[in-house]
């Protein structure tokens, strides 16, 4: 299995429709970087955090080979930082670079990127007019045009068709006026190539019709259909979406997949997020050198100062013989259940036998032995 086939299917890219329709041209490597980083950010944030990519992951996903890999990485980053995009949204015309900065920490084995603040309205806090898709749909594509066309058609997938003026489509794709002057060249190198790739590698397929005026092709109508079977983003349960976002955030702290799975199984969402917030504050204040180790320790030992009342009650339960040896995440879930029962008016203190029975039920429910 190659690196492109090992992409986590839970990673989701979400972009505003204005950004999808923006005019820009990137290389295949650059397109992949944008998509990877967009999948790693936290869409509920109000400002961009630093995004990290491990060198090994970067090399695999971009398909870099040879003895000059490190020089290639530096060149890719250097060239990319100076590239920009043009976008018109709500009557405002914006020209901006993609990133504020990029760093390649060769000795430490990773790269860091920070998106330009101008991209905040197009990647964060999106409530409407946005499109989401799985990262593993676009990373295997071998043409930057195929990635752009996939996004443009994914935006209209539920409608089933989309029509473009030919020159407008070329402008969106960043094709210069002196390129592909003959429609036949544009058709074979952009449209037909994308059609074949999307059908083979993504959850979309399309046919296209040429719109003509005086025998000249002036537009293209895409007829969009579903491709290979995948679960639609809109059908993911909210709980799963939340776990995906938290898992992505934990990965950004450098935690391994095994550690992330253990954390998601052991702790609830608010506990994880509150402790990670403390880790970030300490890191930004210069009090932390190894942020990965510090983050894991914070989750193990609970660095929160003002713990919720339910957590204080949980600590008191540890001395109860009925709960001896029970994992904390089971106790925490039991305490929540008790609080819910109290709110509904049925909150009686259970007998020791009832407590033991409840513990057994919880252990079975969570697959604990």
Protein backbone atom coordinates (compact mmCIF):
# COMPACT_ATOMS: atom_id res chain seq x y z
CA UNK A 1 0.00 0.00 0.00
CA UNK A 2 1.50 3.35 -1.01
CA UNK A 3 1.32 6.58 0.98
CA UNK A 4 -1.58 7.99 -1.01
CA UNK A 5 -3.67 4.93 -0.18
CA UNK A 6 -2.99 5.28 3.56
CA UNK A 7 -4.62 8.71 3.94
CA UNK A 8 -6.99 8.80 6.89
CA UNK A 9 -10.49 8.77 5.40
CA UNK A 10 -11.71 10.84 8.35
CA UNK A 11 -9.71 13.90 7.27
CA UNK A 12 -12.11 16.45 5.81
CA UNK A 13 -11.39 19.58 3.76
CA UNK A 14 -13.87 22.45 4.14
CA UNK A 15 -13.61 25.60 2.01
CA UNK A 16 -15.94 28.49 1.33
CA UNK A 17 -17.47 28.46 -2.13
CA UNK A 18 -15.86 31.84 -2.83
CA UNK A 19 -12.42 30.30 -2.28
CA UNK A 20 -13.27 27.32 -4.48
CA UNK A 21 -14.22 29.74 -7.26
CA UNK A 22 -11.21 32.02 -6.74
CA UNK A 23 -8.74 32.59 -9.56
CA UNK A 24 -5.32 31.07 -8.95
CA UNK A 25 -2.87 28.55 -10.31
CA UNK A 26 -0.80 26.18 -8.23
CA UNK A 27 1.40 23.20 -9.01
CA UNK A 28 0.21 19.73 -8.06
CA UNK A 29 2.50 19.77 -5.01
CA UNK A 30 1.13 23.13 -3.90
CA UNK A 31 -2.48 22.02 -4.37
CA UNK A 32 -1.83 19.00 -2.21
CA UNK A 33 -0.23 21.12 0.50
CA UNK A 34 -3.25 23.43 0.63
CA UNK A 35 -5.64 20.48 0.87
CA UNK A 36 -3.58 18.71 3.55
CA UNK A 37 -3.30 21.84 5.69
CA UNK A 38 -6.98 22.70 5.21
CA UNK A 39 -7.81 19.23 6.54
CA UNK A 40 -5.59 19.77 9.59
CA UNK A 41 -6.96 23.13 10.76
CA UNK A 42 -9.78 23.43 13.28
CA UNK A 43 -12.71 24.96 11.35
CA UNK A 44 -14.37 26.18 14.55
CA UNK A 45 -11.36 28.38 15.45
CA UNK A 46 -11.49 32.16 15.02
CA UNK A 47 -7.79 32.55 14.14
CA UNK A 48 -5.31 30.27 12.41
CA UNK A 49 -3.02 28.09 14.47
CA UNK A 50 0.35 26.92 13.21
CA UNK A 51 -0.06 23.79 11.05
CA UNK A 52 2.61 21.12 11.21
CA UNK A 53 3.48 18.43 8.67
CA UNK A 54 6.05 15.74 9.45
CA UNK A 55 8.79 15.50 6.82
CA UNK A 56 8.09 11.82 6.18
CA UNK A 57 4.40 12.51 5.59
CA UNK A 58 5.27 15.46 3.34
CA UNK A 59 7.69 13.39 1.23
CA UNK A 60 5.22 10.52 0.85
CA UNK A 61 2.18 12.63 -0.01
CA UNK A 62 4.05 14.75 -2.53
CA UNK A 63 5.86 11.74 -4.00
CA UNK A 64 9.33 13.28 -3.59
CA UNK A 65 12.29 11.05 -4.50
CA UNK A 66 16.04 11.25 -5.04
CA UNK A 67 19.08 12.54 -3.20
CA UNK A 68 18.06 16.20 -3.25
CA UNK A 69 14.82 15.84 -1.29
CA UNK A 70 15.73 18.41 1.35
CA UNK A 71 16.62 20.99 -1.29
CA UNK A 72 13.40 20.16 -3.12
CA UNK A 73 11.40 20.78 0.06
CA UNK A 74 13.07 24.16 0.57
CA UNK A 75 12.37 25.18 -3.02
CA UNK A 76 8.72 24.08 -2.85
CA UNK A 77 8.16 26.10 0.33
CA UNK A 78 10.05 29.15 -0.92
CA UNK A 79 8.20 29.28 -4.24
CA UNK A 80 4.83 28.67 -2.61
CA UNK A 81 5.07 31.41 0.02
CA UNK A 82 5.24 34.05 -2.72
CA UNK A 83 2.23 32.76 -4.63
CA UNK A 84 -1.23 34.25 -4.17
CA UNK A 85 -4.85 34.15 -5.22
CA UNK A 86 -7.55 36.56 -6.39
CA UNK A 87 -10.99 36.40 -4.88
CA UNK A 88 -14.15 38.48 -5.05
CA UNK A 89 -16.60 38.11 -2.19
CA UNK A 90 -19.52 40.36 -1.19
CA UNK A 91 -18.28 43.17 -3.43
CA UNK A 92 -14.72 43.06 -2.06
CA UNK A 93 -11.83 42.17 -4.38
CA UNK A 94 -8.95 40.57 -2.47
CA UNK A 95 -5.45 39.68 -3.62
CA UNK A 96 -3.40 37.83 -1.03
CA UNK A 97 -0.67 35.26 -0.51
CA UNK A 98 -1.65 31.88 0.92
CA UNK A 99 0.65 31.95 3.93
CA UNK A 100 2.04 34.41 6.45
CA UNK A 101 5.15 32.25 6.70
CA UNK A 102 6.49 28.72 6.32
CA UNK A 103 9.35 27.02 8.17
CA UNK A 104 11.31 23.86 7.44
CA UNK A 105 12.89 22.52 10.64
CA UNK A 106 15.19 19.99 9.04
CA UNK A 107 16.84 18.73 12.26
CA UNK A 108 13.50 18.34 14.02
CA UNK A 109 11.90 16.62 11.06
CA UNK A 110 8.85 18.72 10.36
CA UNK A 111 7.54 21.81 8.58
CA UNK A 112 5.27 24.53 9.93
CA UNK A 113 2.88 26.75 8.00
CA UNK A 114 0.57 29.55 8.99
CA UNK A 115 -2.25 30.57 6.67
CA UNK A 116 -2.64 34.26 5.82
CA UNK A 117 -5.22 36.07 7.95
CA UNK A 118 -6.97 37.04 4.70
CA UNK A 119 -8.08 33.41 4.44
CA UNK A 120 -9.95 33.42 7.77
CA UNK A 121 -13.37 34.22 6.21
CA UNK A 122 -12.86 31.42 3.69
CA UNK A 123 -11.63 28.59 5.94
CA UNK A 124 -12.85 29.27 9.50
CA UNK A 125 -16.23 29.65 11.19
CA UNK A 126 -18.10 28.76 8.01
CA UNK A 127 -21.87 28.69 8.52
CA UNK A 128 -23.10 28.79 4.93
CA UNK A 129 -21.92 28.65 1.31
CA UNK A 130 -19.15 26.13 1.87
CA UNK A 131 -18.20 22.74 0.47
CA UNK A 132 -16.72 19.75 2.33
CA UNK A 133 -15.07 16.63 0.98
CA UNK A 134 -12.76 13.88 2.12
CA UNK A 135 -9.04 14.55 1.67
CA UNK A 136 -8.49 11.07 0.23
CA UNK A 137 -10.62 12.03 -2.79
CA UNK A 138 -8.14 14.63 -4.07
CA UNK A 139 -4.66 13.64 -2.89
CA UNK A 140 -4.37 10.73 -5.38
CA UNK A 141 -5.17 13.01 -8.33
CA UNK A 142 -2.18 13.63 -10.61
CA UNK A 143 -3.20 16.99 -12.06
CA UNK A 144 -3.74 20.31 -10.30
CA UNK A 145 -6.55 20.99 -12.79
CA UNK A 146 -8.26 17.76 -11.74
CA UNK A 147 -8.25 18.91 -8.11
CA UNK A 148 -9.76 22.28 -9.02
CA UNK A 149 -12.43 20.73 -11.24
CA UNK A 150 -13.28 18.20 -8.53
CA UNK A 151 -13.90 21.05 -6.05
CA UNK A 152 -15.97 23.06 -8.54
CA UNK A 153 -18.16 20.04 -9.29
CA UNK A 154 -18.38 18.85 -5.68
CA UNK A 155 -19.88 22.25 -4.88
CA UNK A 156 -22.78 21.43 -7.24
CA UNK A 157 -22.96 17.65 -6.66
CA UNK A 158 -26.45 17.79 -5.17
CA UNK A 159 -27.72 19.90 -8.08
CA UNK A 160 -26.30 17.50 -10.65
CA UNK A 161 -24.97 19.94 -13.23
CA UNK A 162 -22.92 23.10 -13.57
CA UNK A 163 -22.35 25.41 -16.54
CA UNK A 164 -19.33 27.65 -17.14
CA UNK A 165 -18.48 30.25 -19.72
CA UNK A 166 -15.30 28.82 -21.24
CA UNK A 167 -13.13 31.88 -20.62
CA UNK A 168 -14.42 32.20 -17.06
CA UNK A 169 -13.54 28.57 -16.35
CA UNK A 170 -10.04 29.11 -17.71
CA UNK A 171 -9.69 32.20 -15.50
CA UNK A 172 -10.69 30.24 -12.38
CA UNK A 173 -8.13 27.56 -13.26
CA UNK A 174 -5.42 30.22 -13.67
CA UNK A 175 -4.88 29.47 -17.35
CA UNK A 176 -3.21 32.37 -19.15
CA UNK A 177 -4.82 33.86 -22.31
CA UNK A 178 -2.01 32.53 -24.52
CA UNK A 179 -2.38 28.96 -23.18
CA UNK A 180 -4.64 26.38 -24.79
CA UNK A 181 -5.76 28.79 -27.50
CA UNK A 182 -7.20 25.81 -29.35
CA UNK A 183 -10.22 24.40 -27.55
CA UNK A 184 -9.14 20.90 -28.58
CA UNK A 185 -5.98 21.22 -26.49
CA UNK A 186 -7.94 22.46 -23.45
CA UNK A 187 -10.41 19.62 -23.89
CA UNK A 188 -7.80 16.86 -24.04
CA UNK A 189 -5.31 18.17 -21.46
CA UNK A 190 -7.75 19.55 -18.89
CA UNK A 191 -11.33 18.31 -19.30
CA UNK A 192 -10.84 14.76 -20.58
CA UNK A 193 -7.89 14.18 -18.25
CA UNK A 194 -9.91 15.34 -15.22
CA UNK A 195 -12.90 13.28 -16.33
CA UNK A 196 -10.82 10.08 -16.38
CA UNK A 197 -9.14 10.78 -13.04
CA UNK A 198 -12.28 11.74 -11.16
CA UNK A 199 -14.09 8.65 -12.40
CA UNK A 200 -11.24 6.35 -11.32
CA UNK A 201 -10.19 7.94 -8.03
CA UNK A 202 -12.97 10.04 -6.47
CA UNK A 203 -16.61 9.92 -5.37
CA UNK A 204 -17.65 11.96 -8.45
CA UNK A 205 -17.96 11.28 -12.16
CA UNK A 206 -19.02 13.66 -14.90
CA UNK A 207 -19.89 14.01 -18.55
CA UNK A 208 -19.64 17.36 -20.31
CA UNK A 209 -21.40 19.11 -23.17
CA UNK A 210 -19.86 21.80 -25.35
CA UNK A 211 -21.95 24.97 -25.70
CA UNK A 212 -21.40 26.64 -29.06
CA UNK A 213 -22.08 29.99 -30.70
CA UNK A 214 -21.41 30.25 -34.45
CA UNK A 215 -19.72 26.84 -34.34
CA UNK A 216 -17.27 28.06 -31.70
CA UNK A 217 -17.20 26.47 -28.22
CA UNK A 218 -18.02 29.24 -25.72
CA UNK A 219 -19.06 27.24 -22.68
CA UNK A 220 -19.10 23.85 -20.98
CA UNK A 221 -21.97 22.14 -19.14
CA UNK A 222 -20.91 19.46 -16.66
CA UNK A 223 -23.37 16.68 -15.81
CA UNK A 224 -22.34 15.40 -12.37
CA UNK A 225 -22.98 11.89 -11.07
CA UNK A 226 -21.82 9.90 -8.07
CA UNK A 227 -18.62 7.96 -8.51
CA UNK A 228 -17.26 5.11 -6.42
CA UNK A 229 -19.18 4.43 -3.21
CA UNK A 230 -18.21 6.64 -0.27
CA UNK A 231 -20.08 8.00 2.73
CA UNK A 232 -21.29 11.53 2.21
CA UNK A 233 -20.02 14.20 4.61
CA UNK A 234 -23.56 15.39 5.28
CA UNK A 235 -24.46 11.96 6.63
CA UNK A 236 -21.72 11.74 9.25
CA UNK A 237 -23.14 11.80 12.75
CA UNK A 238 -22.29 14.98 14.72
CA UNK A 239 -20.50 12.85 17.34
CA UNK A 240 -18.18 11.41 14.70
CA UNK A 241 -17.50 14.86 13.20
CA UNK A 242 -16.55 16.09 16.68
CA UNK A 243 -14.19 13.15 17.21
CA UNK A 244 -12.59 13.74 13.81
CA UNK A 245 -11.90 17.39 14.72
CA UNK A 246 -10.40 16.42 18.10
CA UNK A 247 -8.31 13.63 16.57
CA UNK A 248 -6.92 16.08 14.01
CA UNK A 249 -6.06 18.50 16.78
CA UNK A 250 -4.31 15.81 18.84
CA UNK A 251 -2.32 14.82 15.76
CA UNK A 252 -1.18 18.44 15.40
CA UNK A 253 0.35 18.11 18.88
CA UNK A 254 2.48 15.24 17.57
CA UNK A 255 0.64 12.39 19.28
CA UNK A 256 0.68 8.97 17.63
CA UNK A 257 -2.41 7.26 16.23
CA UNK A 258 -2.36 4.73 19.09
CA UNK A 259 -2.18 7.54 21.67
CA UNK A 260 -5.02 9.42 19.95
CA UNK A 261 -7.26 6.35 19.93
CA UNK A 262 -6.56 5.75 23.63
CA UNK A 263 -7.30 9.39 24.50
CA UNK A 264 -10.58 9.46 22.58
CA UNK A 265 -11.68 6.26 24.29
CA UNK A 266 -10.60 7.35 27.77
CA UNK A 267 -11.59 11.02 28.05
CA UNK A 268 -14.58 13.09 27.00
CA UNK A 269 -14.38 15.97 24.52
CA UNK A 270 -14.56 18.87 26.98
CA UNK A 271 -11.85 17.32 29.18
CA UNK A 272 -9.52 16.95 26.19
CA UNK A 273 -10.14 20.43 24.78
CA UNK A 274 -9.79 22.20 28.14
CA UNK A 275 -6.45 20.51 28.85
CA UNK A 276 -5.15 21.19 25.33
CA UNK A 277 -6.05 24.85 25.76
CA UNK A 278 -3.85 24.96 28.87
CA UNK A 279 -1.03 23.21 26.99
CA UNK A 280 -1.20 25.81 24.20
CA UNK A 281 -1.12 28.72 26.65
CA UNK A 282 1.93 27.28 28.44
CA UNK A 283 3.66 26.57 25.11
CA UNK A 284 3.07 30.11 23.80
CA UNK A 285 4.34 31.49 27.11
CA UNK A 286 7.63 29.65 26.55
CA UNK A 287 7.17 27.27 29.49
CA UNK A 288 7.14 24.12 27.36
CA UNK A 289 9.86 22.60 25.17
CA UNK A 290 8.40 19.19 24.34
CA UNK A 291 4.78 20.02 23.51
CA UNK A 292 3.92 16.42 22.59
CA UNK A 293 5.04 14.98 25.91
CA UNK A 294 3.53 17.88 27.81
CA UNK A 295 0.16 17.43 26.08
CA UNK A 296 0.02 13.72 26.88
CA UNK A 297 1.00 14.32 30.51
CA UNK A 298 -1.63 17.07 30.84
CA UNK A 299 -4.32 14.66 29.71
CA UNK A 300 -3.08 11.94 32.04
CA UNK A 301 -2.80 14.19 35.10
CA UNK A 302 -5.48 16.81 34.34
CA UNK A 303 -3.82 20.26 34.38
CA UNK A 304 -7.08 22.16 34.68
CA UNK A 305 -7.25 24.46 37.68
CA UNK A 306 -11.01 25.04 37.82
CA UNK A 307 -12.51 21.61 37.45
CA UNK A 308 -16.25 21.23 36.84
CA UNK A 309 -18.33 20.09 39.81
CA UNK A 310 -18.86 16.72 38.20
CA UNK A 311 -15.09 16.12 38.21
CA UNK A 312 -14.85 17.01 41.91
CA UNK A 313 -17.60 14.49 42.62
CA UNK A 314 -15.71 11.94 40.56
CA UNK A 315 -12.59 12.36 42.68
CA UNK A 316 -14.71 11.65 45.74
CA UNK A 317 -15.92 8.41 44.20
CA UNK A 318 -12.40 6.99 44.09
CA UNK A 319 -12.56 6.24 47.80
CA UNK A 320 -15.85 4.32 47.42
CA UNK A 321 -15.14 0.54 47.67
CA UNK A 322 -17.84 -0.16 45.08
CA UNK A 323 -15.79 1.70 42.45
CA UNK A 324 -12.35 0.34 43.35
CA UNK A 325 -10.26 -0.48 40.29
CA UNK A 326 -12.73 1.02 37.81
CA UNK A 327 -11.22 3.14 34.98
CA UNK A 328 -11.77 6.87 35.40
CA UNK A 329 -13.58 7.31 32.10
CA UNK A 330 -16.17 4.73 33.27
CA UNK A 331 -16.61 6.57 36.56
CA UNK A 332 -16.93 9.85 34.71
CA UNK A 333 -19.68 8.45 32.50
CA UNK A 334 -21.51 7.07 35.56
CA UNK A 335 -21.34 10.45 37.26
CA UNK A 336 -22.89 12.07 34.20
CA UNK A 337 -25.69 9.50 34.21
CA UNK A 338 -26.30 10.22 37.86
CA UNK A 339 -26.50 13.95 37.15
CA UNK A 340 -29.02 13.34 34.35
CA UNK A 341 -31.17 11.21 36.63
CA UNK A 342 -31.08 13.92 39.28
CA UNK A 343 -32.26 16.50 36.73
CA UNK A 344 -35.18 14.26 35.76
CA UNK A 345 -36.22 13.82 39.40
CA UNK A 346 -35.20 10.17 39.72
CA UNK A 347 -31.83 10.74 41.35
CA UNK A 348 -31.79 8.36 44.35
CA UNK A 349 -28.53 7.26 45.93
CA UNK A 350 -28.06 3.66 44.69
CA UNK A 351 -27.37 0.78 47.06
CA UNK A 352 -23.99 -0.92 46.96
CA UNK A 353 -25.48 -3.82 44.99
CA UNK A 354 -27.00 -1.36 42.49
CA UNK A 355 -23.65 0.41 42.26
CA UNK A 356 -21.86 -2.84 41.44
CA UNK A 357 -24.54 -3.71 38.87
CA UNK A 358 -24.17 -0.29 37.23
CA UNK A 359 -20.39 -0.66 37.11
CA UNK A 360 -20.77 -4.05 35.41
CA UNK A 361 -23.16 -2.59 32.83
CA UNK A 362 -20.78 0.30 32.09
CA UNK A 363 -17.80 -2.04 31.72
CA UNK A 364 -19.73 -4.17 29.24
CA UNK A 365 -20.90 -1.10 27.33
CA UNK A 366 -17.34 0.21 26.97
CA UNK A 367 -15.85 -3.19 26.18
CA UNK A 368 -13.80 -3.26 29.40
CA UNK A 369 -12.87 -6.56 31.06
